């Protein structure tokens, strides 16, 4: 009744950038991860300092 289904992969957008330069893509991804880690650490430090300052204000 349904016939033979073909194997298909459905995706949205390109799986790889047009240049397909994997090394560059990995370097950029690593840079973005490092930037996110730095930002998270900085935000955590700011929050901790603000909490400590808040304790001493009357």
C-alpha atoms as a PDB file:
ATOM      1  CA  UNK A   1       0.000   0.000   0.000  1.00  0.00           C
ATOM      2  CA  UNK A   2       2.800   2.417   0.886  1.00  0.00           C
ATOM      3  CA  UNK A   3       5.510   1.299  -1.498  1.00  0.00           C
ATOM      4  CA  UNK A   4       9.242   1.216  -0.840  1.00  0.00           C
ATOM      5  CA  UNK A   5      10.576   4.136   1.233  1.00  0.00           C
ATOM      6  CA  UNK A   6      13.836   5.673   0.105  1.00  0.00           C
ATOM      7  CA  UNK A   7      16.533   6.410   2.662  1.00  0.00           C
ATOM      8  CA  UNK A   8      16.682  10.164   2.991  1.00  0.00           C
ATOM      9  CA  UNK A   9      18.418  12.541   5.340  1.00  0.00           C
ATOM     10  CA  UNK A  10      16.552  15.754   6.007  1.00  0.00           C
ATOM     11  CA  UNK A  11      18.556  18.714   7.249  1.00  0.00           C
ATOM     12  CA  UNK A  12      18.283  22.463   7.384  1.00  0.00           C
ATOM     13  CA  UNK A  13      21.142  24.425   5.942  1.00  0.00           C
ATOM     14  CA  UNK A  14      24.618  23.328   4.932  1.00  0.00           C
ATOM     15  CA  UNK A  15      26.298  20.683   7.063  1.00  0.00           C
ATOM     16  CA  UNK A  16      29.685  22.222   6.320  1.00  0.00           C
ATOM     17  CA  UNK A  17      30.625  25.738   5.288  1.00  0.00           C
ATOM     18  CA  UNK A  18      30.992  26.180   1.522  1.00  0.00           C
ATOM     19  CA  UNK A  19      34.782  26.268   1.800  1.00  0.00           C
ATOM     20  CA  UNK A  20      34.685  22.997   3.774  1.00  0.00           C
ATOM     21  CA  UNK A  21      37.908  24.054   5.488  1.00  0.00           C
ATOM     22  CA  UNK A  22      37.611  21.835   8.555  1.00  0.00           C
ATOM     23  CA  UNK A  23      40.752  23.104  10.295  1.00  0.00           C
ATOM     24  CA  UNK A  24      39.581  26.718  10.140  1.00  0.00           C
ATOM     25  CA  UNK A  25      36.106  25.741  11.317  1.00  0.00           C
ATOM     26  CA  UNK A  26      37.565  23.841  14.302  1.00  0.00           C
ATOM     27  CA  UNK A  27      39.894  26.728  15.206  1.00  0.00           C
ATOM     28  CA  UNK A  28      36.981  29.170  15.148  1.00  0.00           C
ATOM     29  CA  UNK A  29      34.864  26.824  17.260  1.00  0.00           C
ATOM     30  CA  UNK A  30      37.678  26.452  19.807  1.00  0.00           C
ATOM     31  CA  UNK A  31      38.086  30.246  19.922  1.00  0.00           C
ATOM     32  CA  UNK A  32      34.371  30.681  20.601  1.00  0.00           C
ATOM     33  CA  UNK A  33      34.500  28.105  23.403  1.00  0.00           C
ATOM     34  CA  UNK A  34      37.487  29.824  25.031  1.00  0.00           C
ATOM     35  CA  UNK A  35      35.746  33.195  24.779  1.00  0.00           C
ATOM     36  CA  UNK A  36      32.607  31.778  26.431  1.00  0.00           C
ATOM     37  CA  UNK A  37      34.685  30.243  29.251  1.00  0.00           C
ATOM     38  CA  UNK A  38      36.477  33.551  29.878  1.00  0.00           C
ATOM     39  CA  UNK A  39      33.174  35.432  29.960  1.00  0.00           C
ATOM     40  CA  UNK A  40      31.627  32.907  32.365  1.00  0.00           C
ATOM     41  CA  UNK A  41      34.611  33.179  34.725  1.00  0.00           C
ATOM     42  CA  UNK A  42      34.510  36.971  34.605  1.00  0.00           C
ATOM     43  CA  UNK A  43      30.764  37.028  35.291  1.00  0.00           C
ATOM     44  CA  UNK A  44      31.221  34.609  38.202  1.00  0.00           C
ATOM     45  CA  UNK A  45      33.979  36.793  39.687  1.00  0.00           C
ATOM     46  CA  UNK A  46      31.846  39.939  39.343  1.00  0.00           C
ATOM     47  CA  UNK A  47      28.884  38.237  41.018  1.00  0.00           C
ATOM     48  CA  UNK A  48      31.045  37.011  43.894  1.00  0.00           C
ATOM     49  CA  UNK A  49      32.569  40.483  44.443  1.00  0.00           C
ATOM     50  CA  UNK A  50      29.132  42.117  44.379  1.00  0.00           C
ATOM     51  CA  UNK A  51      27.826  39.626  46.947  1.00  0.00           C
ATOM     52  CA  UNK A  52      30.800  40.305  49.231  1.00  0.00           C
ATOM     53  CA  UNK A  53      30.329  44.069  48.931  1.00  0.00           C
ATOM     54  CA  UNK A  54      26.636  43.696  49.710  1.00  0.00           C
ATOM     55  CA  UNK A  55      27.409  42.018  53.045  1.00  0.00           C
ATOM     56  CA  UNK A  56      29.355  45.019  54.325  1.00  0.00           C
ATOM     57  CA  UNK A  57      26.892  47.722  53.312  1.00  0.00           C
ATOM     58  CA  UNK A  58      24.420  48.778  56.003  1.00  0.00           C
END
